[in-house]
Amino acid sequence: MPAIAGLSAVAQPGSTLLILGSMPGVASLQQQQYYAHPRNAFWPIMARLLGFEQTLSYSQRLQALSQGKIALWDVISHCQRQGSLDSAIRAEQANDFETFLKQHPKIVAIGFNGNKAWQSFNRLVIPQLTLTSAIALLPLPSTSPAYAALSVEQKHQQWAALLHYLK
């Protein structure tokens, strides 16, 4: 099974909300862009929540997130996986959240894009984290097209909970 490395965090010093995926899929890794699969609902949901056009270039979409004080990263830094499915992830290693959160002390909430990100964070990160600040942890439905139990509209309704942390 191939070993893969994730993408670097996209964050500004003033970020207040961190959105975590598990590990980027094949399309995202090939393009070196978060949520690059054309059927992933992440960018349409964020465009609607923040009021920007989802057709903007990748750098413009990242700028819109930055203006909204939103950072992007993944729970997993390295793993083994064939394909893009979270269920195929093996030998996962977590990113360094201790350092990240010290460097971004204004983070007040972490949104988890899907169950795998939530479970991996709880298993790999929480036991190692020694920060004392209260950060809200928000499990959200996966925006992946592989998660079809909810419509994009239903996913959007649940992701709208993030608006509370963007005020």
Protein backbone atom coordinates (compact mmCIF):
# COMPACT_ATOMS: atom_id res chain seq x y z
CA MET A 1 0.00 0.00 0.00
CA PRO A 2 1.47 3.40 -0.95
CA ALA A 3 2.68 5.81 1.73
CA ILE A 4 1.29 9.33 1.33
CA ALA A 5 1.86 12.69 2.98
CA GLY A 6 -0.83 15.33 3.44
CA LEU A 7 -0.88 19.00 2.55
CA SER A 8 0.52 21.85 4.63
CA ALA A 9 -1.80 23.82 6.86
CA VAL A 10 -3.40 26.92 5.37
CA ALA A 11 -3.68 29.38 8.24
CA GLN A 12 -3.19 33.02 9.11
CA PRO A 13 -2.09 34.33 12.53
CA GLY A 14 -5.61 35.62 13.25
CA SER A 15 -7.44 32.39 12.38
CA THR A 16 -10.23 31.62 14.85
CA LEU A 17 -11.71 28.49 13.27
CA LEU A 18 -9.79 25.42 12.11
CA ILE A 19 -11.44 22.96 9.73
CA LEU A 20 -9.84 19.52 9.71
CA GLY A 21 -10.24 16.75 7.19
CA SER A 22 -8.74 13.30 7.60
CA MET A 23 -6.29 13.03 4.66
CA PRO A 24 -6.68 14.60 1.21
CA GLY A 25 -7.95 12.33 -1.54
CA VAL A 26 -6.08 11.47 -4.71
CA ALA A 27 -7.41 14.48 -6.68
CA SER A 28 -6.43 16.89 -3.90
CA LEU A 29 -2.95 15.40 -3.55
CA GLN A 30 -2.38 15.47 -7.31
CA GLN A 31 -3.47 19.12 -7.54
CA GLN A 32 -1.98 20.08 -4.15
CA GLN A 33 -5.31 21.73 -3.29
CA TYR A 34 -7.71 21.08 -0.45
CA TYR A 35 -11.04 19.57 -1.56
CA ALA A 36 -10.10 19.41 -5.24
CA HIS A 37 -12.52 16.63 -6.23
CA PRO A 38 -15.16 18.36 -8.38
CA ARG A 39 -18.04 16.64 -6.54
CA ASN A 40 -16.80 17.43 -3.04
CA ALA A 41 -19.30 19.79 -1.40
CA PHE A 42 -16.74 21.65 0.73
CA TRP A 43 -16.25 24.66 -1.54
CA PRO A 44 -19.95 25.08 -2.42
CA ILE A 45 -20.83 24.95 1.29
CA MET A 46 -18.10 27.41 2.29
CA ALA A 47 -19.00 29.74 -0.60
CA ARG A 48 -22.59 29.81 0.61
CA LEU A 49 -21.65 30.28 4.29
CA LEU A 50 -19.14 33.06 3.61
CA GLY A 51 -20.85 34.67 0.61
CA PHE A 52 -18.27 34.15 -2.13
CA GLU A 53 -18.54 32.65 -5.61
CA GLN A 54 -17.58 28.97 -5.64
CA THR A 55 -16.18 29.47 -9.15
CA LEU A 56 -13.32 31.64 -7.82
CA SER A 57 -9.80 30.35 -8.38
CA TYR A 58 -8.33 28.16 -5.65
CA SER A 59 -6.13 30.99 -4.36
CA GLN A 60 -9.15 33.33 -4.25
CA ARG A 61 -11.18 30.72 -2.33
CA LEU A 62 -8.32 30.37 0.17
CA GLN A 63 -8.27 34.16 0.47
CA ALA A 64 -12.01 34.15 1.22
CA LEU A 65 -11.42 31.59 3.99
CA SER A 66 -8.57 33.69 5.33
CA GLN A 67 -10.81 36.78 5.41
CA GLY A 68 -13.30 34.65 7.35
CA LYS A 69 -10.49 33.72 9.78
CA ILE A 70 -10.73 30.06 8.78
CA ALA A 71 -7.73 27.74 8.67
CA LEU A 72 -7.59 24.39 6.84
CA TRP A 73 -5.58 21.29 7.67
CA ASP A 74 -5.93 17.56 8.19
CA VAL A 75 -5.69 15.40 11.26
CA ILE A 76 -3.39 12.92 9.51
CA SER A 77 0.07 13.96 8.33
CA HIS A 78 1.13 10.60 6.85
CA CYS A 79 -0.56 7.29 6.21
CA GLN A 80 -0.82 4.40 3.84
CA ARG A 81 -3.83 4.31 1.55
CA GLN A 82 -4.86 2.91 -1.80
CA GLY A 83 -7.32 5.30 -3.46
CA SER A 84 -9.18 8.09 -1.67
CA LEU A 85 -11.52 6.42 0.79
CA ASP A 86 -11.05 7.09 4.50
CA SER A 87 -11.83 3.44 5.19
CA ALA A 88 -8.64 2.49 3.32
CA ILE A 89 -6.36 4.58 5.58
CA ARG A 90 -3.75 2.55 7.44
CA ALA A 91 -0.70 3.37 9.61
CA GLU A 92 -1.86 6.93 10.21
CA GLN A 93 0.28 9.53 11.95
CA ALA A 94 -1.17 12.78 13.28
CA ASN A 95 -0.05 16.30 12.50
CA ASP A 96 1.55 18.34 15.30
CA PHE A 97 -1.44 20.10 16.84
CA GLU A 98 0.40 21.11 20.00
CA THR A 99 2.67 23.38 17.96
CA PHE A 100 -0.07 24.51 15.57
CA LEU A 101 -2.40 25.61 18.36
CA LYS A 102 0.42 27.42 20.18
CA GLN A 103 1.18 29.28 16.94
CA HIS A 104 -2.52 30.05 16.41
CA PRO A 105 -3.78 30.96 19.89
CA LYS A 106 -6.96 32.62 18.59
CA ILE A 107 -8.47 29.29 17.47
CA VAL A 108 -11.74 28.94 19.41
CA ALA A 109 -13.30 26.05 17.46
CA ILE A 110 -12.28 23.07 15.37
CA GLY A 111 -14.71 21.68 12.80
CA PHE A 112 -14.16 18.09 11.69
CA ASN A 113 -15.01 17.29 8.08
CA GLY A 114 -16.36 13.79 8.53
CA ASN A 115 -16.29 10.96 11.00
CA LYS A 116 -12.76 9.76 10.17
CA ALA A 117 -11.27 13.18 11.00
CA TRP A 118 -13.24 13.25 14.28
CA GLN A 119 -12.27 9.70 15.27
CA SER A 120 -8.61 10.11 14.35
CA PHE A 121 -8.35 13.38 16.29
CA ASN A 122 -9.88 11.78 19.37
CA ARG A 123 -7.64 8.72 19.14
CA LEU A 124 -4.33 10.26 18.02
CA VAL A 125 -4.37 13.90 19.13
CA ILE A 126 -6.51 14.42 22.24
CA PRO A 127 -4.41 12.05 24.43
CA GLN A 128 -1.24 14.01 23.50
CA LEU A 129 -2.66 17.54 23.68
CA THR A 130 -1.68 19.50 26.78
CA LEU A 131 -3.19 22.88 25.93
CA THR A 132 -5.60 24.17 28.54
CA SER A 133 -7.64 26.63 26.50
CA ALA A 134 -11.22 25.67 25.82
CA ILE A 135 -11.68 24.97 22.12
CA ALA A 136 -15.07 23.84 20.82
CA LEU A 137 -14.86 20.55 18.91
CA LEU A 138 -17.52 20.27 16.20
CA PRO A 139 -18.00 16.99 14.32
CA LEU A 140 -19.62 17.71 10.94
CA PRO A 141 -20.84 15.49 8.11
CA SER A 142 -18.27 14.71 5.46
CA THR A 143 -18.41 16.87 2.35
CA SER A 144 -17.01 13.97 0.33
CA PRO A 145 -19.15 12.63 -2.52
CA ALA A 146 -18.52 9.18 -0.99
CA TYR A 147 -20.73 10.21 1.95
CA ALA A 148 -24.16 10.15 0.33
CA ALA A 149 -26.36 9.66 3.41
CA LEU A 150 -27.10 13.40 3.41
CA SER A 151 -27.80 15.77 0.52
CA VAL A 152 -25.56 18.78 -0.01
CA GLU A 153 -28.38 20.93 1.41
CA GLN A 154 -28.54 18.78 4.58
CA LYS A 155 -24.76 18.96 4.91
CA HIS A 156 -24.91 22.75 4.49
CA GLN A 157 -27.52 23.04 7.24
CA GLN A 158 -25.22 21.20 9.68
CA TRP A 159 -22.11 23.10 8.56
CA ALA A 160 -23.98 26.37 9.23
CA ALA A 161 -23.20 25.73 12.93
CA LEU A 162 -19.76 27.16 12.12
CA LEU A 163 -21.26 30.61 11.63
CA HIS A 164 -21.50 30.97 15.41
CA TYR A 165 -17.68 30.90 15.56
CA LEU A 166 -17.15 33.37 12.73
CA LYS A 167 -18.75 36.37 14.44
